[in-house]
Every structure is written in C-alpha cells, then in structure tokens.
Protein backbone atom coordinates (compact mmCIF):
# COMPACT_ATOMS: atom_id res chain seq x y z
CA MET A 1 -69.66 -25.54 26.14
CA LYS A 2 -66.40 -23.74 26.87
CA GLN A 3 -64.45 -27.00 27.11
CA TYR A 4 -65.56 -28.00 23.61
CA ARG A 5 -64.28 -24.87 21.89
CA LEU A 6 -60.94 -26.35 20.84
CA PRO A 7 -62.28 -29.53 19.15
CA ILE A 8 -64.98 -27.46 17.43
CA LEU A 9 -62.36 -24.96 16.24
CA MET A 10 -60.11 -27.75 14.96
CA LEU A 11 -62.98 -29.40 13.08
CA ALA A 12 -64.00 -26.06 11.59
CA VAL A 13 -60.45 -25.38 10.36
CA PHE A 14 -60.15 -28.76 8.65
CA GLU A 15 -63.66 -28.53 7.16
CA ALA A 16 -62.82 -25.10 5.76
CA VAL A 17 -59.68 -26.53 4.15
CA ALA A 18 -61.60 -29.57 2.89
CA ILE A 19 -64.37 -27.55 1.24
CA THR A 20 -61.97 -24.95 -0.19
CA LEU A 21 -59.74 -27.57 -1.81
CA TRP A 22 -62.72 -29.59 -3.04
CA LEU A 23 -64.17 -26.58 -4.83
CA THR A 24 -60.92 -25.09 -6.14
CA LYS A 25 -59.39 -28.40 -7.25
CA ASP A 26 -62.74 -29.88 -8.35
CA ASN A 27 -61.78 -33.14 -6.64
CA VAL A 28 -64.04 -34.69 -4.00
CA PHE A 29 -61.06 -36.59 -2.58
CA TYR A 30 -59.91 -33.47 -0.73
CA LEU A 31 -63.32 -33.15 0.90
CA PHE A 32 -63.05 -36.72 2.18
CA ASN A 33 -59.37 -36.50 3.10
CA PHE A 34 -59.39 -33.38 5.25
CA SER A 35 -62.84 -34.05 6.68
CA TYR A 36 -61.65 -37.47 7.84
CA ILE A 37 -58.52 -36.05 9.47
CA GLY A 38 -60.47 -33.20 11.08
CA VAL A 39 -63.07 -35.58 12.51
CA ALA A 40 -60.34 -37.93 13.82
CA ILE A 41 -58.46 -35.11 15.57
CA SER A 42 -61.62 -33.59 17.01
CA LEU A 43 -62.71 -37.02 18.25
CA GLY A 44 -59.40 -37.40 20.05
CA MET A 45 -59.83 -34.01 21.71
CA LEU A 46 -63.32 -34.95 22.87
CA LEU A 47 -62.00 -38.22 24.28
CA PHE A 48 -59.31 -36.26 26.11
CA ILE A 49 -61.93 -33.94 27.57
CA LYS A 50 -63.75 -37.06 28.76
CA LYS A 51 -60.45 -38.12 30.37
CA TYR A 52 -59.97 -41.22 28.23
CA ILE A 53 -56.33 -42.13 28.83
CA HIS A 54 -55.65 -43.35 25.27
CA ALA A 55 -57.33 -40.44 23.47
CA ARG A 56 -54.22 -39.30 21.62
CA ARG A 57 -53.27 -42.85 20.62
CA VAL A 58 -56.70 -43.26 19.00
CA VAL A 59 -56.02 -40.22 16.80
CA GLN A 60 -52.49 -41.37 16.01
CA LEU A 61 -53.75 -44.70 14.74
CA LEU A 62 -56.71 -43.26 12.83
CA VAL A 63 -54.64 -40.62 11.04
CA GLY A 64 -51.21 -42.27 10.96
CA LEU A 65 -52.39 -45.58 9.50
CA TYR A 66 -54.64 -43.77 7.01
CA MET A 67 -51.72 -41.74 5.68
CA LEU A 68 -49.17 -44.54 5.77
CA VAL A 69 -51.29 -47.41 4.44
CA TYR A 70 -53.98 -45.77 2.31
CA LEU A 71 -52.29 -42.65 0.94
CA GLY A 72 -48.76 -44.03 0.93
CA LEU A 73 -49.02 -47.71 0.05
CA VAL A 74 -52.41 -48.03 -1.63
CA CYS A 75 -52.53 -44.70 -3.49
CA GLN A 76 -48.73 -44.75 -3.87
CA GLU A 77 -48.25 -41.12 -2.89
CA ASN A 78 -44.91 -40.19 -1.32
CA MET A 79 -46.02 -38.26 1.75
CA GLN A 80 -42.48 -37.85 3.04
CA ILE A 81 -40.44 -34.73 2.35
CA GLU A 82 -39.16 -36.21 -0.94
CA GLY A 83 -42.74 -36.20 -2.23
CA PHE A 84 -43.07 -32.54 -1.29
CA TRP A 85 -39.98 -31.63 -3.31
CA TYR A 86 -41.19 -33.80 -6.21
CA TYR A 87 -44.56 -32.09 -6.55
CA LEU A 88 -43.00 -28.70 -5.91
CA PHE A 89 -40.60 -29.20 -8.83
CA THR A 90 -43.39 -30.37 -11.12
CA GLY A 91 -45.38 -27.25 -10.23
CA ALA A 92 -48.39 -29.25 -9.02
CA PHE A 93 -50.22 -28.03 -5.92
CA GLU A 94 -51.61 -31.38 -4.85
CA ALA A 95 -50.90 -34.49 -2.77
CA ALA A 96 -47.74 -33.92 -0.72
CA THR A 97 -47.53 -30.16 -1.39
CA ILE A 98 -51.04 -29.60 -0.02
CA HIS A 99 -50.31 -31.94 2.89
CA TYR A 100 -47.17 -29.99 3.79
CA ALA A 101 -48.84 -26.61 3.40
CA VAL A 102 -51.68 -27.57 5.75
CA ALA A 103 -49.94 -29.82 8.29
CA LYS A 104 -46.35 -28.64 8.37
CA ILE A 105 -45.88 -25.13 7.02
CA PHE A 106 -48.96 -22.94 7.63
CA GLY A 107 -50.99 -25.22 9.90
CA PRO A 108 -48.46 -24.96 12.75
CA LEU A 109 -49.31 -21.26 12.98
CA ILE A 110 -52.55 -22.51 14.54
CA PHE A 111 -51.79 -25.87 16.15
CA GLY A 112 -47.99 -25.85 16.47
CA ARG A 113 -46.37 -29.28 16.47
CA GLY A 114 -49.73 -31.00 16.81
CA TRP A 115 -48.84 -33.02 13.72
CA CYS A 116 -46.05 -34.73 15.67
CA GLY A 117 -48.34 -35.63 18.54
CA TYR A 118 -51.47 -36.74 16.69
CA ALA A 119 -50.77 -37.68 13.07
CA CYS A 120 -47.14 -38.66 12.37
CA TRP A 121 -46.96 -42.32 11.39
CA THR A 122 -43.36 -42.60 12.58
CA ALA A 123 -44.17 -41.27 16.05
CA MET A 124 -47.27 -43.46 16.04
CA LEU A 125 -44.99 -46.46 16.47
CA LEU A 126 -42.44 -44.74 18.71
CA ASP A 127 -45.01 -43.82 21.33
CA PHE A 128 -45.61 -47.51 21.97
CA LEU A 129 -41.98 -48.00 23.01
CA PRO A 130 -41.17 -48.10 26.76
CA PHE A 131 -39.23 -44.83 27.18
CA LYS A 132 -42.13 -42.40 27.44
CA GLU A 133 -40.43 -39.96 29.81
CA SER A 134 -37.20 -38.34 28.66
CA ASN A 135 -34.84 -38.17 31.63
CA SER A 136 -31.59 -37.96 29.68
CA PRO A 137 -30.03 -34.54 28.93
CA ARG A 138 -30.37 -33.09 25.46
CA ARG A 139 -27.59 -34.01 23.06
CA LYS A 140 -26.12 -31.57 20.56
CA LEU A 141 -27.29 -33.55 17.55
CA GLY A 142 -29.96 -31.22 16.19
CA TRP A 143 -27.75 -30.39 13.21
CA ILE A 144 -28.53 -33.83 11.75
CA ARG A 145 -32.07 -32.71 10.85
CA TYR A 146 -30.63 -30.07 8.52
CA VAL A 147 -28.37 -32.64 6.85
CA MET A 148 -31.40 -34.88 6.29
CA PHE A 149 -33.41 -31.94 4.97
CA ALA A 150 -30.66 -31.01 2.49
CA ALA A 151 -30.14 -34.64 1.48
CA SER A 152 -33.82 -35.04 0.55
CA LEU A 153 -33.70 -31.89 -1.57
CA ILE A 154 -30.46 -32.95 -3.28
CA PHE A 155 -31.86 -36.45 -3.96
CA VAL A 156 -34.96 -35.18 -5.76
CA SER A 157 -33.06 -32.39 -7.53
CA ALA A 158 -30.57 -34.93 -8.87
CA LEU A 159 -33.39 -37.03 -10.33
CA PHE A 160 -34.77 -34.04 -12.22
CA LEU A 161 -31.38 -32.74 -13.34
CA ALA A 162 -30.40 -36.19 -14.61
CA LYS A 163 -33.79 -36.45 -16.35
CA VAL A 164 -34.36 -39.87 -14.88
CA GLY A 165 -37.40 -41.63 -16.29
CA ASN A 166 -40.40 -42.78 -14.27
CA ILE A 167 -39.59 -40.53 -11.31
CA GLU A 168 -43.06 -41.06 -9.86
CA ARG A 169 -42.32 -44.77 -9.41
CA ILE A 170 -38.99 -43.92 -7.81
CA MET A 171 -40.83 -41.62 -5.41
CA PHE A 172 -43.07 -44.49 -4.31
CA TRP A 173 -40.13 -46.78 -3.55
CA ALA A 174 -38.34 -43.89 -1.84
CA PHE A 175 -41.40 -43.66 0.41
CA VAL A 176 -41.31 -47.38 1.22
CA ILE A 177 -37.56 -47.61 1.77
CA GLY A 178 -37.47 -44.26 3.59
CA ASN A 179 -40.12 -45.37 6.06
CA ILE A 180 -38.35 -48.64 6.75
CA ALA A 181 -35.13 -46.69 7.39
CA TYR A 182 -36.92 -44.14 9.59
CA TYR A 183 -38.54 -46.84 11.70
CA GLY A 184 -35.26 -48.70 12.07
CA ILE A 185 -33.22 -45.61 13.00
CA SER A 186 -35.86 -44.24 15.36
CA ILE A 187 -36.20 -47.53 17.27
CA VAL A 188 -32.42 -47.87 17.62
CA LEU A 189 -32.15 -44.27 18.87
CA ALA A 190 -35.02 -44.77 21.32
CA PHE A 191 -33.27 -47.70 22.98
CA ALA A 192 -29.81 -46.12 22.76
CA PHE A 193 -30.90 -42.85 24.38
CA LYS A 194 -33.79 -44.33 26.41
CA ASP A 195 -36.01 -41.75 24.76
CA ASN A 196 -38.96 -42.58 22.49
CA ARG A 197 -38.76 -39.20 20.78
CA ALA A 198 -35.01 -39.07 20.09
CA PHE A 199 -35.64 -39.35 16.35
CA CYS A 200 -38.02 -36.36 16.49
CA LYS A 201 -35.48 -34.27 18.41
CA TYR A 202 -32.38 -34.94 16.36
CA ILE A 203 -33.09 -36.59 12.99
CA CYS A 204 -36.52 -35.75 11.56
CA PRO A 205 -36.10 -33.31 8.63
CA ILE A 206 -39.72 -32.14 8.83
CA THR A 207 -38.88 -30.18 11.98
CA VAL A 208 -37.00 -27.69 9.79
CA PHE A 209 -40.47 -26.52 8.70
CA LEU A 210 -42.26 -27.16 11.98
CA LYS A 211 -40.00 -25.46 14.52
CA PRO A 212 -40.01 -21.85 13.22
CA MET A 213 -43.74 -21.87 12.44
CA SER A 214 -44.62 -23.39 15.82
CA TYR A 215 -43.04 -20.41 17.56
CA PHE A 216 -46.12 -18.36 16.55
CA SER A 217 -48.69 -21.08 17.30
CA LEU A 218 -52.10 -19.86 18.50
CA ILE A 219 -52.86 -23.07 20.39
CA ARG A 220 -50.41 -23.34 23.27
CA ILE A 221 -50.31 -24.86 26.73
CA LYS A 222 -50.04 -22.17 29.38
CA CYS A 223 -49.36 -22.28 33.08
CA ASP A 224 -51.53 -20.68 35.76
CA LYS A 225 -48.80 -19.31 38.00
CA GLU A 226 -51.16 -18.93 40.94
CA LYS A 227 -51.93 -22.66 40.93
CA CYS A 228 -48.43 -23.92 40.07
CA ILE A 229 -46.44 -25.28 43.03
CA SER A 230 -43.20 -25.80 41.03
CA CYS A 231 -43.19 -29.55 41.65
CA GLY A 232 -41.47 -30.19 38.32
CA LYS A 233 -43.75 -33.05 37.34
CA CYS A 234 -44.70 -31.47 34.00
CA ARG A 235 -41.02 -31.33 33.05
CA ARG A 236 -40.47 -34.96 33.99
CA VAL A 237 -43.37 -36.34 31.96
CA CYS A 238 -42.86 -34.15 28.88
CA PRO A 239 -41.44 -36.33 26.06
CA MET A 240 -39.96 -33.24 24.36
CA ASN A 241 -38.36 -31.57 27.43
CA VAL A 242 -40.48 -28.42 27.21
CA ASP A 243 -40.60 -26.05 30.18
CA MET A 244 -44.37 -25.62 30.47
CA THR A 245 -44.10 -23.37 33.54
CA ASP A 246 -42.71 -20.59 31.36
CA ASN A 247 -45.49 -18.86 29.40
CA SER A 248 -43.19 -16.90 27.10
CA ARG A 249 -42.65 -17.99 23.50
CA LYS A 250 -38.95 -18.24 24.28
CA ARG A 251 -39.43 -21.01 26.85
CA GLU A 252 -36.98 -23.89 26.76
CA ASN A 253 -37.70 -26.21 23.80
CA GLY A 254 -40.91 -24.25 23.30
CA THR A 255 -41.13 -24.97 19.56
CA GLU A 256 -41.09 -28.70 20.25
CA CYS A 257 -44.34 -29.02 22.20
CA ILE A 258 -46.40 -31.74 20.48
CA LEU A 259 -49.58 -30.98 22.45
CA CYS A 260 -49.59 -34.51 23.87
CA MET A 261 -51.14 -33.11 27.07
CA GLU A 262 -49.09 -35.36 29.34
CA CYS A 263 -48.13 -32.31 31.38
CA LYS A 264 -51.74 -31.27 31.84
CA ARG A 265 -52.89 -34.81 32.63
CA ASN A 266 -50.20 -35.23 35.31
CA CYS A 267 -50.35 -31.78 36.90
CA PRO A 268 -51.47 -32.28 40.53
CA LYS A 269 -52.93 -28.76 40.75
CA ASP A 270 -54.54 -28.50 37.29
CA ALA A 271 -52.34 -25.48 36.62
CA LEU A 272 -51.87 -26.16 32.91
C-alpha cells in the first residue's frame, strides 16, 4: 500500500477542501468541483504507478478542459489572474479567488507546481508540441512575468476606478481574448526557443504566486545519492531545467518543478 499513499493523500486533501467549501458556502457546486479535480489527479497518479506512459496527459485533459470549457466558457467565469483580481476587489471569496487560494497560493505548500504539470489548460496544449526536452540555455527573460502580473492588476483596477459598467461581462471576454493571446504567444515562443515550456518560464504571471510558495512544498522529488550514477539524464529530460540530483530546497530552478515525473521515469537506476 505504500506506493498508493500519495494519490490517497491528494484525494483526501481535495475532498477536505470540497466538503469544507460545500458546507461553509452552502453550495453543492464546490463539492462537485473539487471532488472532480481530486479524483482526476488521483487517477493520474494511479496510472503513473501502473506505468501508463500518458498518465499525466490524461489528468491534463480531464482538468484542463473542464476548467477551460466548462468553468470558463460555459459558466463564463474568468479563471485567469484577471478574474482573481476582480473577485478580490468585489470582496467575494468564490470562483477565481477560491481557485487561486487552493491551486496557486496555499496549495503549492503541499504539491508545489503540480498545477502547472497536471491542470493548466495552457500547458495542456503546449505539452503536445514537439520540443519536450529543453536543451537551450535559460534566457534572462523572467522579468516579463512580473510585467504581466502588474498589467493584469492595473487592468482590473482601472475598470473599477473608472466605474465601468458590466465589468463581469468584460471579465468573460478578457478570459476569451486572454486565452487566445496566451496560446498564440506560447506556441510562438515554443518554436522560437525550441522549448515547449518557454511561456511558463518567462511569461506566465501566475508563477509570481507559485514560485515562492513552491519553495516550501511538502511533495518533492528527491534523489537517492547511493543509487545515482550522475549520468545527467534527469537534467536532459526535465522540461523546466531542474537539477533533481540536488536535494536541497535551493537546487537550481527548484521552484519550477512541475512534478511531471519525466526524470523519475527516465532514471536508469530508479534513484529518484
């Protein structure tokens, strides 16, 4: 049963959140929403344990399409960072604010950047592109994420300060247009840098929340030094350029591990 501890833990965490929000908000939607996501993630972990090669992709599609199509387009909720600012300014702890609290602010204290590897609807598409291994050196473009973060805050603040009418409708179209722009930019960057995850490394504003919280993540990939033969394969297959052979929290690009498990799956000595 030891190998099943992680999926059971993940399901328990999401069920706890689901039940707590259902009872406190008196809205059964939260029970369905977080139970669905928890079951999808746990299913992916079980498939990984069973060595199914596309386990993570299954979770990406189940969660990513649910959030993009159902929550975003059908329910017309802006699940991007603009939606977070919108609900924050209105003082409502629901929709995007709850999503950010669980998945991107406090959740990473448990599962790090797991959101990026298993649920992000932008990365869901990017991981189907051909440049799965990042062999190009890191570029000094990380500052762009902070510009994007500030721009989203300024955009929503301006709408409230100008007392623009029907802001909720504007938020929906911001979600649609923003996603189209994100997909376009991320695909162009992937081909320009030959790196599927270039957008995640340099542009994505959500990482402003994710990176500092992921530093303290409980769920981490560690290296068994006695088994490791320093072949470097884990570094080559890691899409985020993380040095998995270093067990310290200060390891290179340590806050960018998306728990994709490519390093573990490709380790010839099962040292990870």
